[in-house]
Amino acid sequence: MYMRVVLNVRKKDVIVLPKNLREATGIDGEDEVMIDVASDKILLRALKPRVVDVDSRIVFELLRKEDSLETKRYREMIYSENVGS
């Protein structure tokens, strides 16, 4: 699909996307958009998060390892402060 729309830049440098343009591109009222600039061209597109399936066991294991590393780091910091006192 190809559309060409002429829009005005309003006060405070605001551009309002008309409803038909938002509907055609899947942009909703509170969505974030990605803007790419290449020389004199601007490409604006809906920024939609990707939904992925993640094995909860892997996430749990990664969080457990991260917690263990953080705990070790804090213990080392506390130990070095106590030794220096």
PDB file of N, CA and C in Angstrom:
ATOM      1  N   MET A   1       0.839  -1.172   0.000  1.00  0.00           N
ATOM      2  CA  MET A   1       0.000   0.000   0.000  1.00  0.00           C
ATOM      3  C   MET A   1       0.889   1.242   0.000  1.00  0.00           C
ATOM      4  N   TYR A   2       0.480   2.225  -0.742  1.00  0.00           N
ATOM      5  CA  TYR A   2       1.205   3.483  -0.808  1.00  0.00           C
ATOM      6  C   TYR A   2       0.223   4.615  -0.572  1.00  0.00           C
ATOM      7  N   MET A   3       0.571   5.520   0.311  1.00  0.00           N
ATOM      8  CA  MET A   3      -0.251   6.714   0.559  1.00  0.00           C
ATOM      9  C   MET A   3       0.677   7.918   0.569  1.00  0.00           C
ATOM     10  N   ARG A   4       0.170   9.019   0.089  1.00  0.00           N
ATOM     11  CA  ARG A   4       0.899  10.282   0.206  1.00  0.00           C
ATOM     12  C   ARG A   4      -0.047  11.267   0.869  1.00  0.00           C
ATOM     13  N   VAL A   5       0.408  11.860   1.962  1.00  0.00           N
ATOM     14  CA  VAL A   5      -0.422  12.785   2.727  1.00  0.00           C
ATOM     15  C   VAL A   5       0.396  14.042   2.988  1.00  0.00           C
ATOM     16  N   VAL A   6      -0.209  15.188   2.803  1.00  0.00           N
ATOM     17  CA  VAL A   6       0.442  16.446   3.115  1.00  0.00           C
ATOM     18  C   VAL A   6      -0.091  16.907   4.466  1.00  0.00           C
ATOM     19  N   LEU A   7       0.828  17.136   5.412  1.00  0.00           N
ATOM     20  CA  LEU A   7       0.459  17.567   6.756  1.00  0.00           C
ATOM     21  C   LEU A   7       1.141  18.883   7.070  1.00  0.00           C
ATOM     22  N   ASN A   8       0.523  19.660   7.933  1.00  0.00           N
ATOM     23  CA  ASN A   8       1.124  20.915   8.384  1.00  0.00           C
ATOM     24  C   ASN A   8       1.844  20.696   9.700  1.00  0.00           C
ATOM     25  N   VAL A   9       2.974  21.357   9.835  1.00  0.00           N
ATOM     26  CA  VAL A   9       3.664  21.376  11.120  1.00  0.00           C
ATOM     27  C   VAL A   9       3.032  22.523  11.904  1.00  0.00           C
ATOM     28  N   ARG A  10       2.419  22.171  13.032  1.00  0.00           N
ATOM     29  CA  ARG A  10       1.715  23.161  13.835  1.00  0.00           C
ATOM     30  C   ARG A  10       2.673  23.885  14.772  1.00  0.00           C
ATOM     31  N   LYS A  11       2.083  24.813  15.523  1.00  0.00           N
ATOM     32  CA  LYS A  11       2.882  25.527  16.522  1.00  0.00           C
ATOM     33  C   LYS A  11       3.528  24.522  17.444  1.00  0.00           C
ATOM     34  N   LYS A  12       4.651  24.891  17.986  1.00  0.00           N
ATOM     35  CA  LYS A  12       5.446  24.025  18.862  1.00  0.00           C
ATOM     36  C   LYS A  12       5.940  22.784  18.128  1.00  0.00           C
ATOM     37  N   ASP A  13       6.032  22.855  16.799  1.00  0.00           N
ATOM     38  CA  ASP A  13       6.581  21.784  15.958  1.00  0.00           C
ATOM     39  C   ASP A  13       5.857  20.459  16.106  1.00  0.00           C
ATOM     40  N   VAL A  14       4.537  20.495  16.168  1.00  0.00           N
ATOM     41  CA  VAL A  14       3.718  19.296  16.321  1.00  0.00           C
ATOM     42  C   VAL A  14       3.120  18.906  14.978  1.00  0.00           C
ATOM     43  N   ILE A  15       3.180  17.608  14.677  1.00  0.00           N
ATOM     44  CA  ILE A  15       2.523  17.064  13.486  1.00  0.00           C
ATOM     45  C   ILE A  15       1.452  16.105  13.969  1.00  0.00           C
ATOM     46  N   VAL A  16       0.210  16.309  13.544  1.00  0.00           N
ATOM     47  CA  VAL A  16      -0.899  15.444  13.936  1.00  0.00           C
ATOM     48  C   VAL A  16      -1.145  14.442  12.811  1.00  0.00           C
ATOM     49  N   LEU A  17      -1.168  13.152  13.170  1.00  0.00           N
ATOM     50  CA  LEU A  17      -1.444  12.116  12.174  1.00  0.00           C
ATOM     51  C   LEU A  17      -2.953  11.915  12.071  1.00  0.00           C
ATOM     52  N   PRO A  18      -3.522  12.084  10.895  1.00  0.00           N
ATOM     53  CA  PRO A  18      -4.962  11.886  10.729  1.00  0.00           C
ATOM     54  C   PRO A  18      -5.362  10.436  11.019  1.00  0.00           C
ATOM     55  N   LYS A  19      -6.620  10.257  11.392  1.00  0.00           N
ATOM     56  CA  LYS A  19      -7.133   8.947  11.777  1.00  0.00           C
ATOM     57  C   LYS A  19      -6.924   7.910  10.674  1.00  0.00           C
ATOM     58  N   ASN A  20      -7.226   8.263   9.424  1.00  0.00           N
ATOM     59  CA  ASN A  20      -7.079   7.275   8.341  1.00  0.00           C
ATOM     60  C   ASN A  20      -5.629   6.823   8.183  1.00  0.00           C
ATOM     61  N   LEU A  21      -4.695   7.725   8.437  1.00  0.00           N
ATOM     62  CA  LEU A  21      -3.275   7.383   8.359  1.00  0.00           C
ATOM     63  C   LEU A  21      -2.878   6.476   9.521  1.00  0.00           C
ATOM     64  N   ARG A  22      -3.363   6.796  10.734  1.00  0.00           N
ATOM     65  CA  ARG A  22      -3.079   5.952  11.902  1.00  0.00           C
ATOM     66  C   ARG A  22      -3.665   4.556  11.724  1.00  0.00           C
ATOM     67  N   GLU A  23      -4.888   4.497  11.220  1.00  0.00           N
ATOM     68  CA  GLU A  23      -5.520   3.184  11.009  1.00  0.00           C
ATOM     69  C   GLU A  23      -4.771   2.372   9.954  1.00  0.00           C
ATOM     70  N   ALA A  24      -4.335   3.011   8.895  1.00  0.00           N
ATOM     71  CA  ALA A  24      -3.629   2.312   7.820  1.00  0.00           C
ATOM     72  C   ALA A  24      -2.284   1.762   8.281  1.00  0.00           C
ATOM     73  N   THR A  25      -1.684   2.430   9.267  1.00  0.00           N
ATOM     74  CA  THR A  25      -0.365   2.006   9.739  1.00  0.00           C
ATOM     75  C   THR A  25      -0.403   1.253  11.056  1.00  0.00           C
ATOM     76  N   GLY A  26      -1.592   1.137  11.658  1.00  0.00           N
ATOM     77  CA  GLY A  26      -1.712   0.404  12.913  1.00  0.00           C
ATOM     78  C   GLY A  26      -1.209   1.178  14.118  1.00  0.00           C
ATOM     79  N   ILE A  27      -1.168   2.499  14.020  1.00  0.00           N
ATOM     80  CA  ILE A  27      -0.738   3.329  15.139  1.00  0.00           C
ATOM     81  C   ILE A  27      -1.957   3.725  15.950  1.00  0.00           C
ATOM     82  N   ASP A  28      -1.934   3.415  17.250  1.00  0.00           N
ATOM     83  CA  ASP A  28      -3.024   3.781  18.151  1.00  0.00           C
ATOM     84  C   ASP A  28      -2.620   5.003  18.966  1.00  0.00           C
ATOM     85  N   GLY A  29      -3.582   5.572  19.669  1.00  0.00           N
ATOM     86  CA  GLY A  29      -3.406   6.826  20.390  1.00  0.00           C
ATOM     87  C   GLY A  29      -2.216   6.934  21.309  1.00  0.00           C
ATOM     88  N   GLU A  30      -1.901   5.920  22.072  1.00  0.00           N
ATOM     89  CA  GLU A  30      -0.807   6.013  23.035  1.00  0.00           C
ATOM     90  C   GLU A  30       0.440   5.232  22.605  1.00  0.00           C
ATOM     91  N   ASP A  31       0.473   4.788  21.361  1.00  0.00           N
ATOM     92  CA  ASP A  31       1.607   4.002  20.873  1.00  0.00           C
ATOM     93  C   ASP A  31       2.875   4.848  20.777  1.00  0.00           C
ATOM     94  N   GLU A  32       3.996   4.156  20.884  1.00  0.00           N
ATOM     95  CA  GLU A  32       5.268   4.784  20.577  1.00  0.00           C
ATOM     96  C   GLU A  32       5.541   4.565  19.092  1.00  0.00           C
ATOM     97  N   VAL A  33       6.284   5.473  18.502  1.00  0.00           N
ATOM     98  CA  VAL A  33       6.644   5.328  17.089  1.00  0.00           C
ATOM     99  C   VAL A  33       8.163   5.395  16.961  1.00  0.00           C
ATOM    100  N   MET A  34       8.657   4.751  15.940  1.00  0.00           N
ATOM    101  CA  MET A  34      10.079   4.773  15.616  1.00  0.00           C
ATOM    102  C   MET A  34      10.243   5.733  14.446  1.00  0.00           C
ATOM    103  N   ILE A  35      11.216   6.622  14.541  1.00  0.00           N
ATOM    104  CA  ILE A  35      11.482   7.562  13.461  1.00  0.00           C
ATOM    105  C   ILE A  35      12.909   7.352  12.984  1.00  0.00           C
ATOM    106  N   ASP A  36      13.053   7.093  11.699  1.00  0.00           N
ATOM    107  CA  ASP A  36      14.362   6.981  11.067  1.00  0.00           C
ATOM    108  C   ASP A  36      14.540   8.192  10.158  1.00  0.00           C
ATOM    109  N   VAL A  37      15.713   8.783  10.204  1.00  0.00           N
ATOM    110  CA  VAL A  37      16.007   9.936   9.362  1.00  0.00           C
ATOM    111  C   VAL A  37      17.188   9.576   8.472  1.00  0.00           C
ATOM    112  N   ALA A  38      17.006   9.773   7.166  1.00  0.00           N
ATOM    113  CA  ALA A  38      18.066   9.523   6.190  1.00  0.00           C
ATOM    114  C   ALA A  38      18.092  10.720   5.246  1.00  0.00           C
ATOM    115  N   SER A  39      19.143  11.474   5.328  1.00  0.00           N
ATOM    116  CA  SER A  39      19.314  12.746   4.593  1.00  0.00           C
ATOM    117  C   SER A  39      18.045  13.590   4.749  1.00  0.00           C
ATOM    118  N   ASP A  40      17.251  13.780   3.713  1.00  0.00           N
ATOM    119  CA  ASP A  40      16.073  14.658   3.824  1.00  0.00           C
ATOM    120  C   ASP A  40      14.764  13.890   3.964  1.00  0.00           C
ATOM    121  N   LYS A  41      14.842  12.608   4.313  1.00  0.00           N
ATOM    122  CA  LYS A  41      13.637  11.779   4.427  1.00  0.00           C
ATOM    123  C   LYS A  41      13.411  11.344   5.867  1.00  0.00           C
ATOM    124  N   ILE A  42      12.142  11.266   6.245  1.00  0.00           N
ATOM    125  CA  ILE A  42      11.757  10.786   7.575  1.00  0.00           C
ATOM    126  C   ILE A  42      10.846   9.588   7.395  1.00  0.00           C
ATOM    127  N   LEU A  43      11.172   8.482   8.068  1.00  0.00           N
ATOM    128  CA  LEU A  43      10.333   7.288   8.049  1.00  0.00           C
ATOM    129  C   LEU A  43       9.798   7.090   9.464  1.00  0.00           C
ATOM    130  N   LEU A  44       8.488   7.087   9.589  1.00  0.00           N
ATOM    131  CA  LEU A  44       7.841   6.941  10.880  1.00  0.00           C
ATOM    132  C   LEU A  44       7.034   5.649  10.854  1.00  0.00           C
ATOM    133  N   ARG A  45       7.206   4.811  11.885  1.00  0.00           N
ATOM    134  CA  ARG A  45       6.456   3.554  11.919  1.00  0.00           C
ATOM    135  C   ARG A  45       6.091   3.202  13.356  1.00  0.00           C
ATOM    136  N   ALA A  46       5.032   2.410  13.469  1.00  0.00           N
ATOM    137  CA  ALA A  46       4.574   1.985  14.791  1.00  0.00           C
ATOM    138  C   ALA A  46       5.643   1.117  15.438  1.00  0.00           C
ATOM    139  N   LEU A  47       5.886   1.365  16.709  1.00  0.00           N
ATOM    140  CA  LEU A  47       6.850   0.569  17.462  1.00  0.00           C
ATOM    141  C   LEU A  47       6.050  -0.396  18.316  1.00  0.00           C
ATOM    142  N   LYS A  48       5.907  -1.593  17.826  1.00  0.00           N
ATOM    143  CA  LYS A  48       5.122  -2.611  18.514  1.00  0.00           C
ATOM    144  C   LYS A  48       6.066  -3.622  19.150  1.00  0.00           C
ATOM    145  N   PRO A  49       5.870  -3.915  20.440  1.00  0.00           N
ATOM    146  CA  PRO A  49       6.724  -4.919  21.077  1.00  0.00           C
ATOM    147  C   PRO A  49       6.475  -6.296  20.470  1.00  0.00           C
ATOM    148  N   ARG A  50       7.514  -7.066  20.394  1.00  0.00           N
ATOM    149  CA  ARG A  50       7.380  -8.436  19.897  1.00  0.00           C
ATOM    150  C   ARG A  50       7.093  -9.356  21.066  1.00  0.00           C
ATOM    151  N   VAL A  51       6.147 -10.224  20.871  1.00  0.00           N
ATOM    152  CA  VAL A  51       5.814 -11.196  21.898  1.00  0.00           C
ATOM    153  C   VAL A  51       6.558 -12.481  21.563  1.00  0.00           C
ATOM    154  N   VAL A  52       7.325 -12.961  22.513  1.00  0.00           N
ATOM    155  CA  VAL A  52       8.097 -14.178  22.289  1.00  0.00           C
ATOM    156  C   VAL A  52       7.791 -15.178  23.398  1.00  0.00           C
ATOM    157  N   ASP A  53       7.881 -16.432  23.056  1.00  0.00           N
ATOM    158  CA  ASP A  53       7.732 -17.484  24.053  1.00  0.00           C
ATOM    159  C   ASP A  53       9.081 -17.716  24.716  1.00  0.00           C
ATOM    160  N   VAL A  54       9.076 -17.675  26.039  1.00  0.00           N
ATOM    161  CA  VAL A  54      10.311 -17.862  26.790  1.00  0.00           C
ATOM    162  C   VAL A  54      10.065 -18.967  27.807  1.00  0.00           C
ATOM    163  N   ASP A  55      11.026 -19.851  27.900  1.00  0.00           N
ATOM    164  CA  ASP A  55      10.945 -20.927  28.883  1.00  0.00           C
ATOM    165  C   ASP A  55      11.158 -20.324  30.268  1.00  0.00           C
ATOM    166  N   SER A  56      10.157 -20.388  31.122  1.00  0.00           N
ATOM    167  CA  SER A  56      10.243 -19.768  32.445  1.00  0.00           C
ATOM    168  C   SER A  56      11.372 -20.365  33.283  1.00  0.00           C
ATOM    169  N   ARG A  57      11.740 -21.612  33.030  1.00  0.00           N
ATOM    170  CA  ARG A  57      12.848 -22.216  33.770  1.00  0.00           C
ATOM    171  C   ARG A  57      14.166 -21.524  33.453  1.00  0.00           C
ATOM    172  N   ILE A  58      14.347 -21.157  32.191  1.00  0.00           N
ATOM    173  CA  ILE A  58      15.569 -20.457  31.789  1.00  0.00           C
ATOM    174  C   ILE A  58      15.614 -19.072  32.436  1.00  0.00           C
ATOM    175  N   VAL A  59      14.479 -18.365  32.434  1.00  0.00           N
ATOM    176  CA  VAL A  59      14.419 -17.050  33.053  1.00  0.00           C
ATOM    177  C   VAL A  59      14.727 -17.164  34.542  1.00  0.00           C
ATOM    178  N   PHE A  60      14.123 -18.129  35.207  1.00  0.00           N
ATOM    179  CA  PHE A  60      14.350 -18.330  36.638  1.00  0.00           C
ATOM    180  C   PHE A  60      15.831 -18.600  36.906  1.00  0.00           C
ATOM    181  N   GLU A  61      16.455 -19.442  36.103  1.00  0.00           N
ATOM    182  CA  GLU A  61      17.867 -19.772  36.289  1.00  0.00           C
ATOM    183  C   GLU A  61      18.754 -18.537  36.069  1.00  0.00           C
ATOM    184  N   LEU A  62      18.459 -17.753  35.056  1.00  0.00           N
ATOM    185  CA  LEU A  62      19.236 -16.535  34.809  1.00  0.00           C
ATOM    186  C   LEU A  62      19.092 -15.546  35.959  1.00  0.00           C
ATOM    187  N   LEU A  63      17.874 -15.391  36.472  1.00  0.00           N
ATOM    188  CA  LEU A  63      17.661 -14.490  37.600  1.00  0.00           C
ATOM    189  C   LEU A  63      18.362 -15.003  38.856  1.00  0.00           C
ATOM    190  N   ARG A  64      18.363 -16.311  39.052  1.00  0.00           N
ATOM    191  CA  ARG A  64      19.044 -16.898  40.203  1.00  0.00           C
ATOM    192  C   ARG A  64      20.542 -16.633  40.122  1.00  0.00           C
ATOM    193  N   LYS A  65      21.127 -16.815  38.931  1.00  0.00           N
ATOM    194  CA  LYS A  65      22.559 -16.556  38.744  1.00  0.00           C
ATOM    195  C   LYS A  65      22.878 -15.075  38.951  1.00  0.00           C
ATOM    196  N   GLU A  66      22.025 -14.210  38.429  1.00  0.00           N
ATOM    197  CA  GLU A  66      22.246 -12.780  38.588  1.00  0.00           C
ATOM    198  C   GLU A  66      22.194 -12.395  40.071  1.00  0.00           C
ATOM    199  N   ASP A  67      21.232 -12.948  40.794  1.00  0.00           N
ATOM    200  CA  ASP A  67      21.117 -12.678  42.227  1.00  0.00           C
ATOM    201  C   ASP A  67      22.363 -13.161  42.968  1.00  0.00           C
ATOM    202  N   SER A  68      22.843 -14.329  42.611  1.00  0.00           N
ATOM    203  CA  SER A  68      24.029 -14.884  43.247  1.00  0.00           C
ATOM    204  C   SER A  68      25.246 -13.993  43.002  1.00  0.00           C
ATOM    205  N   LEU A  69      25.408 -13.521  41.783  1.00  0.00           N
ATOM    206  CA  LEU A  69      26.539 -12.646  41.452  1.00  0.00           C
ATOM    207  C   LEU A  69      26.436 -11.308  42.182  1.00  0.00           C
ATOM    208  N   GLU A  70      25.225 -10.750  42.253  1.00  0.00           N
ATOM    209  CA  GLU A  70      25.033  -9.491  42.964  1.00  0.00           C
ATOM    210  C   GLU A  70      25.327  -9.658  44.452  1.00  0.00           C
ATOM    211  N   THR A  71      24.868 -10.748  45.038  1.00  0.00           N
ATOM    212  CA  THR A  71      25.118 -11.010  46.454  1.00  0.00           C
ATOM    213  C   THR A  71      26.612 -11.111  46.714  1.00  0.00           C
ATOM    214  N   LYS A  72      27.307 -11.837  45.846  1.00  0.00           N
ATOM    215  CA  LYS A  72      28.765 -11.985  45.987  1.00  0.00           C
ATOM    216  C   LYS A  72      29.442 -10.629  45.884  1.00  0.00           C
ATOM    217  N   ARG A  73      29.018  -9.817  44.933  1.00  0.00           N
ATOM    218  CA  ARG A  73      29.614  -8.494  44.736  1.00  0.00           C
ATOM    219  C   ARG A  73      29.415  -7.610  45.963  1.00  0.00           C
ATOM    220  N   TYR A  74      28.201  -7.614  46.513  1.00  0.00           N
ATOM    221  CA  TYR A  74      27.933  -6.795  47.694  1.00  0.00           C
ATOM    222  C   TYR A  74      28.715  -7.277  48.902  1.00  0.00           C
ATOM    223  N   ARG A  75      28.837  -8.570  49.051  1.00  0.00           N
ATOM    224  CA  ARG A  75      29.623  -9.103  50.161  1.00  0.00           C
ATOM    225  C   ARG A  75      31.087  -8.678  50.039  1.00  0.00           C
ATOM    226  N   GLU A  76      31.622  -8.718  48.827  1.00  0.00           N
ATOM    227  CA  GLU A  76      33.002  -8.293  48.606  1.00  0.00           C
ATOM    228  C   GLU A  76      33.174  -6.812  48.915  1.00  0.00           C
ATOM    229  N   MET A  77      32.175  -5.996  48.550  1.00  0.00           N
ATOM    230  CA  MET A  77      32.249  -4.562  48.837  1.00  0.00           C
ATOM    231  C   MET A  77      32.231  -4.314  50.344  1.00  0.00           C
ATOM    232  N   ILE A  78      31.338  -5.001  51.040  1.00  0.00           N
ATOM    233  CA  ILE A  78      31.237  -4.831  52.491  1.00  0.00           C
ATOM    234  C   ILE A  78      32.506  -5.318  53.165  1.00  0.00           C
ATOM    235  N   TYR A  79      33.040  -6.451  52.701  1.00  0.00           N
ATOM    236  CA  TYR A  79      34.260  -7.000  53.281  1.00  0.00           C
ATOM    237  C   TYR A  79      35.422  -6.034  53.092  1.00  0.00           C
ATOM    238  N   SER A  80      35.553  -5.482  51.886  1.00  0.00           N
ATOM    239  CA  SER A  80      36.672  -4.568  51.626  1.00  0.00           C
ATOM    240  C   SER A  80      36.543  -3.289  52.445  1.00  0.00           C
ATOM    241  N   GLU A  81      35.311  -2.828  52.699  1.00  0.00           N
ATOM    242  CA  GLU A  81      35.115  -1.643  53.525  1.00  0.00           C
ATOM    243  C   GLU A  81      35.481  -1.954  54.979  1.00  0.00           C
ATOM    244  N   ASN A  82      35.113  -3.157  55.474  1.00  0.00           N
ATOM    245  CA  ASN A  82      35.406  -3.516  56.861  1.00  0.00           C
ATOM    246  C   ASN A  82      36.913  -3.736  57.073  1.00  0.00           C
ATOM    247  N   VAL A  83      37.571  -4.293  56.091  1.00  0.00           N
ATOM    248  CA  VAL A  83      39.007  -4.530  56.199  1.00  0.00           C
ATOM    249  C   VAL A  83      39.755  -3.210  56.190  1.00  0.00           C
ATOM    250  N   GLY A  84      39.267  -2.267  55.393  1.00  0.00           N
ATOM    251  CA  GLY A  84      39.920  -0.960  55.288  1.00  0.00           C
ATOM    252  C   GLY A  84      39.714  -0.106  56.523  1.00  0.00           C
ATOM    253  N   SER A  85      38.746  -0.418  57.378  1.00  0.00           N
ATOM    254  CA  SER A  85      38.455   0.400  58.563  1.00  0.00           C
ATOM    255  C   SER A  85      39.423   0.172  59.677  1.00  0.00           C
TER     256      SER A  85
END
